[in-house]
Structures are given as C-alpha cells and as structure tokens.
Amino acid sequence: MIEVIGRLRRSERGEHLLGAFVRCAPTFLARVPHLVPDEQHADLARRAQGGTEARVARELAEALELASAHDALVIVLEDLQWSDLATIDLLALLAQRTERARLLVIATARRAAVQTSDHPLGRALRPLLTRGAALPIA
C-alpha cells in the first residue's frame, strides 16, 4: 500500500490526496515521511504519537474514503498472495466498513494461495466472499 499511496501522491490528484492523508492518517504518514513535505514532519510526528498498527489501518481506511469522496478512486493490487499482512488487514477492514465510498479495489492473486486454509489472504477473503463484499473473477 505504501507504493500505491506513493503513486497516488505523484498523480494529478496528489495534493488533494495528501490533504486527506494529512487530515486522517498522521500515524501512517509519520512512518513514511518521504510522502510529505519536510515542514509537516514535526506536526505529523506529534499527532501520531502512540499509534498502533490498528490505528494505522483505521486511519488509512478513513483517508482513502475521504480521498474518494468527490472522485472515484480505483486501486489495483497485483499478486496479493505475496502481500504483507498489514495490506491484507487493510483490505479486509475496507471491505467491512459500512460507509459508502467511491473506492474500488481490484486485486489479483493466485487461486491456489487463496484457497489454502492457512494463507492469510484466504482467511481474510473467505468472510468477504460469503457476505458479498468481494467478488471473485476467474
């Protein structure tokens, strides 16, 4: 997700997206300072104090929802079976939220990895498929 957000930051909507992340996700930005101007580092570090991994995920979900409030946002993630647990947890959190967001996440993964009972992606994806929060496309 760091790479995705970095690419979004460099896009034509970069300043709008940065504003959403500064407002909603200071804990995340404090961990990836290369995404923000130097003059904002001290404020972000102060606001991010005591931030946990769960807080980072909540903040990221809120920032992505705010960033997509006016214009739809599409995120494409490839080979999700190789992804880190934080990204998988964030995707599961986004799918569980009940607020309407103009956010579409398209993710690819190898079927074998998703179907195993011990793979983190499979464990996160099964409940989403069951409730219709995710749609598999072969």
C-alpha atoms as a PDB file:
ATOM      1  CA  MET A   1       0.000   0.000   0.000  1.00  0.00           C
ATOM      2  CA  ILE A   2       2.941   2.335   0.554  1.00  0.00           C
ATOM      3  CA  GLU A   3       3.807   2.058  -3.131  1.00  0.00           C
ATOM      4  CA  VAL A   4       0.175   2.612  -4.178  1.00  0.00           C
ATOM      5  CA  ILE A   5      -0.175   5.696  -1.987  1.00  0.00           C
ATOM      6  CA  GLY A   6       3.165   6.996  -3.255  1.00  0.00           C
ATOM      7  CA  ARG A   7       1.929   6.694  -6.831  1.00  0.00           C
ATOM      8  CA  LEU A   8      -1.325   8.406  -5.922  1.00  0.00           C
ATOM      9  CA  ARG A   9       0.693  11.179  -4.266  1.00  0.00           C
ATOM     10  CA  ARG A  10       2.576  11.764  -7.534  1.00  0.00           C
ATOM     11  CA  SER A  11      -0.628  11.806  -9.617  1.00  0.00           C
ATOM     12  CA  GLU A  12      -2.554  14.881 -10.759  1.00  0.00           C
ATOM     13  CA  ARG A  13      -4.755  14.457  -7.669  1.00  0.00           C
ATOM     14  CA  GLY A  14      -1.690  14.220  -5.432  1.00  0.00           C
ATOM     15  CA  GLU A  15      -2.236  17.390  -3.409  1.00  0.00           C
ATOM     16  CA  HIS A  16      -5.899  16.526  -2.749  1.00  0.00           C
ATOM     17  CA  LEU A  17      -4.892  13.022  -1.684  1.00  0.00           C
ATOM     18  CA  LEU A  18      -2.106  14.305   0.523  1.00  0.00           C
ATOM     19  CA  GLY A  19      -4.589  16.605   2.248  1.00  0.00           C
ATOM     20  CA  ALA A  20      -6.857  13.652   3.021  1.00  0.00           C
ATOM     21  CA  PHE A  21      -3.953  11.649   4.409  1.00  0.00           C
ATOM     22  CA  VAL A  22      -2.574  14.542   6.485  1.00  0.00           C
ATOM     23  CA  ARG A  23      -6.038  15.081   7.952  1.00  0.00           C
ATOM     24  CA  CYS A  24      -6.967  11.430   8.581  1.00  0.00           C
ATOM     25  CA  ALA A  25      -3.774   9.341   8.637  1.00  0.00           C
ATOM     26  CA  PRO A  26      -0.971  11.082  10.543  1.00  0.00           C
ATOM     27  CA  THR A  27       0.233   7.812  12.075  1.00  0.00           C
ATOM     28  CA  PHE A  28       0.724   6.280   8.639  1.00  0.00           C
ATOM     29  CA  LEU A  29       2.432   9.377   7.209  1.00  0.00           C
ATOM     30  CA  ALA A  30       4.775   9.600  10.202  1.00  0.00           C
ATOM     31  CA  ARG A  31       6.014   6.125   9.234  1.00  0.00           C
ATOM     32  CA  VAL A  32       6.547   7.080   5.568  1.00  0.00           C
ATOM     33  CA  PRO A  33       7.880  10.648   5.777  1.00  0.00           C
ATOM     34  CA  HIS A  34       9.035  10.719   2.144  1.00  0.00           C
ATOM     35  CA  LEU A  35       5.398  11.255   1.126  1.00  0.00           C
ATOM     36  CA  VAL A  36       5.053  14.630   2.874  1.00  0.00           C
ATOM     37  CA  PRO A  37       6.891  17.947   2.714  1.00  0.00           C
ATOM     38  CA  ASP A  38       9.605  18.400   5.361  1.00  0.00           C
ATOM     39  CA  GLU A  39       7.755  21.236   7.100  1.00  0.00           C
ATOM     40  CA  GLN A  40       4.884  18.862   8.026  1.00  0.00           C
ATOM     41  CA  HIS A  41       7.038  16.165   9.672  1.00  0.00           C
ATOM     42  CA  ALA A  42       7.026  17.618  13.202  1.00  0.00           C
ATOM     43  CA  ASP A  43       3.248  18.087  13.264  1.00  0.00           C
ATOM     44  CA  LEU A  44       2.638  14.580  11.921  1.00  0.00           C
ATOM     45  CA  ALA A  45       5.045  13.053  14.455  1.00  0.00           C
ATOM     46  CA  ARG A  46       3.242  14.861  17.280  1.00  0.00           C
ATOM     47  CA  ARG A  47      -0.216  13.735  16.087  1.00  0.00           C
ATOM     48  CA  ALA A  48       0.976  10.162  15.520  1.00  0.00           C
ATOM     49  CA  GLN A  49       2.362   9.547  18.993  1.00  0.00           C
ATOM     50  CA  GLY A  50       1.260   6.239  20.465  1.00  0.00           C
ATOM     51  CA  GLY A  51      -0.137   4.996  17.168  1.00  0.00           C
ATOM     52  CA  THR A  52      -0.717   1.269  16.902  1.00  0.00           C
ATOM     53  CA  GLU A  53      -0.999  -0.938  13.815  1.00  0.00           C
ATOM     54  CA  ALA A  54      -4.784  -0.991  14.285  1.00  0.00           C
ATOM     55  CA  ARG A  55      -4.823   2.802  14.379  1.00  0.00           C
ATOM     56  CA  VAL A  56      -2.775   2.973  11.174  1.00  0.00           C
ATOM     57  CA  ALA A  57      -5.279   0.708   9.401  1.00  0.00           C
ATOM     58  CA  ARG A  58      -8.284   2.730  10.647  1.00  0.00           C
ATOM     59  CA  GLU A  59      -6.635   5.981   9.608  1.00  0.00           C
ATOM     60  CA  LEU A  60      -5.772   4.620   6.156  1.00  0.00           C
ATOM     61  CA  ALA A  61      -9.345   3.453   5.606  1.00  0.00           C
ATOM     62  CA  GLU A  62     -10.695   6.874   6.603  1.00  0.00           C
ATOM     63  CA  ALA A  63      -8.146   8.694   4.418  1.00  0.00           C
ATOM     64  CA  LEU A  64      -8.984   6.555   1.386  1.00  0.00           C
ATOM     65  CA  GLU A  65     -12.694   7.173   1.924  1.00  0.00           C
ATOM     66  CA  LEU A  66     -12.119  10.925   2.215  1.00  0.00           C
ATOM     67  CA  ALA A  67      -9.820  10.928  -0.833  1.00  0.00           C
ATOM     68  CA  SER A  68     -12.533   9.221  -2.872  1.00  0.00           C
ATOM     69  CA  ALA A  69     -15.417  11.377  -1.632  1.00  0.00           C
ATOM     70  CA  HIS A  70     -15.613  13.575  -4.757  1.00  0.00           C
ATOM     71  CA  ASP A  71     -13.952  11.476  -7.430  1.00  0.00           C
ATOM     72  CA  ALA A  72     -13.911   7.706  -7.584  1.00  0.00           C
ATOM     73  CA  LEU A  73     -10.634   6.072  -6.688  1.00  0.00           C
ATOM     74  CA  VAL A  74      -9.561   2.750  -8.174  1.00  0.00           C
ATOM     75  CA  ILE A  75      -6.686   0.839  -6.589  1.00  0.00           C
ATOM     76  CA  VAL A  76      -5.185  -2.131  -8.412  1.00  0.00           C
ATOM     77  CA  LEU A  77      -3.044  -4.589  -6.460  1.00  0.00           C
ATOM     78  CA  GLU A  78      -1.349  -7.458  -8.260  1.00  0.00           C
ATOM     79  CA  ASP A  79      -0.110 -10.749  -6.803  1.00  0.00           C
ATOM     80  CA  LEU A  80      -1.774 -10.157  -3.465  1.00  0.00           C
ATOM     81  CA  GLN A  81      -0.655 -13.602  -2.307  1.00  0.00           C
ATOM     82  CA  TRP A  82       2.810 -12.045  -1.766  1.00  0.00           C
ATOM     83  CA  SER A  83       1.457  -9.069   0.117  1.00  0.00           C
ATOM     84  CA  ASP A  84       2.311  -8.194   3.692  1.00  0.00           C
ATOM     85  CA  LEU A  85      -0.208  -8.815   6.465  1.00  0.00           C
ATOM     86  CA  ALA A  86      -0.820  -5.104   7.001  1.00  0.00           C
ATOM     87  CA  THR A  87      -2.096  -4.715   3.435  1.00  0.00           C
ATOM     88  CA  ILE A  88      -4.350  -7.762   3.716  1.00  0.00           C
ATOM     89  CA  ASP A  89      -5.707  -6.464   7.026  1.00  0.00           C
ATOM     90  CA  LEU A  90      -6.355  -3.038   5.480  1.00  0.00           C
ATOM     91  CA  LEU A  91      -8.270  -4.559   2.567  1.00  0.00           C
ATOM     92  CA  ALA A  92     -10.370  -6.643   4.951  1.00  0.00           C
ATOM     93  CA  LEU A  93     -11.076  -3.533   7.042  1.00  0.00           C
ATOM     94  CA  LEU A  94     -12.091  -1.533   3.956  1.00  0.00           C
ATOM     95  CA  ALA A  95     -14.486  -4.294   2.909  1.00  0.00           C
ATOM     96  CA  GLN A  96     -16.053  -4.438   6.371  1.00  0.00           C
ATOM     97  CA  ARG A  97     -16.839  -0.724   6.589  1.00  0.00           C
ATOM     98  CA  THR A  98     -20.452   0.215   6.103  1.00  0.00           C
ATOM     99  CA  GLU A  99     -19.908   3.807   4.944  1.00  0.00           C
ATOM    100  CA  ARG A 100     -20.420   4.328   1.240  1.00  0.00           C
ATOM    101  CA  ALA A 101     -17.198   5.135  -0.528  1.00  0.00           C
ATOM    102  CA  ARG A 102     -16.364   5.735  -4.146  1.00  0.00           C
ATOM    103  CA  LEU A 103     -13.491   3.312  -3.849  1.00  0.00           C
ATOM    104  CA  LEU A 104     -12.888   0.219  -5.952  1.00  0.00           C
ATOM    105  CA  VAL A 105     -10.109  -2.208  -5.128  1.00  0.00           C
ATOM    106  CA  ILE A 106      -9.117  -4.704  -7.795  1.00  0.00           C
ATOM    107  CA  ALA A 107      -6.705  -7.338  -6.606  1.00  0.00           C
ATOM    108  CA  THR A 108      -5.179 -10.323  -8.330  1.00  0.00           C
ATOM    109  CA  ALA A 109      -3.931 -13.424  -6.574  1.00  0.00           C
ATOM    110  CA  ARG A 110      -3.061 -16.977  -7.426  1.00  0.00           C
ATOM    111  CA  ARG A 111      -6.050 -19.190  -6.806  1.00  0.00           C
ATOM    112  CA  ALA A 112      -4.012 -21.876  -5.008  1.00  0.00           C
ATOM    113  CA  ALA A 113      -2.816 -19.384  -2.384  1.00  0.00           C
ATOM    114  CA  VAL A 114      -6.292 -18.042  -1.729  1.00  0.00           C
ATOM    115  CA  GLN A 115      -7.833 -21.492  -1.373  1.00  0.00           C
ATOM    116  CA  THR A 116      -5.443 -22.798   1.277  1.00  0.00           C
ATOM    117  CA  SER A 117      -6.777 -22.691   4.809  1.00  0.00           C
ATOM    118  CA  ASP A 118      -3.555 -21.340   6.314  1.00  0.00           C
ATOM    119  CA  HIS A 119      -2.779 -18.487   3.896  1.00  0.00           C
ATOM    120  CA  PRO A 120      -3.607 -15.062   5.412  1.00  0.00           C
ATOM    121  CA  LEU A 121      -5.234 -13.895   2.188  1.00  0.00           C
ATOM    122  CA  GLY A 122      -7.558 -16.901   2.117  1.00  0.00           C
ATOM    123  CA  ARG A 123      -8.531 -16.336   5.763  1.00  0.00           C
ATOM    124  CA  ALA A 124      -9.310 -12.669   5.063  1.00  0.00           C
ATOM    125  CA  LEU A 125     -11.085 -13.281   1.767  1.00  0.00           C
ATOM    126  CA  ARG A 126     -13.475 -16.104   2.721  1.00  0.00           C
ATOM    127  CA  PRO A 127     -15.718 -13.991   5.005  1.00  0.00           C
ATOM    128  CA  LEU A 128     -15.794 -11.207   2.413  1.00  0.00           C
ATOM    129  CA  LEU A 129     -16.892 -13.604  -0.316  1.00  0.00           C
ATOM    130  CA  THR A 130     -19.527 -15.128   1.959  1.00  0.00           C
ATOM    131  CA  ARG A 131     -21.184 -11.758   2.645  1.00  0.00           C
ATOM    132  CA  GLY A 132     -20.804 -10.480  -0.895  1.00  0.00           C
ATOM    133  CA  ALA A 133     -18.230  -7.806  -0.003  1.00  0.00           C
ATOM    134  CA  ALA A 134     -15.836  -9.259  -2.590  1.00  0.00           C
ATOM    135  CA  LEU A 135     -16.438 -10.768  -5.983  1.00  0.00           C
ATOM    136  CA  PRO A 136     -14.157 -13.458  -7.416  1.00  0.00           C
ATOM    137  CA  ILE A 137     -13.439 -13.343 -11.117  1.00  0.00           C
ATOM    138  CA  ALA A 138     -11.648 -16.337 -12.596  1.00  0.00           C
END
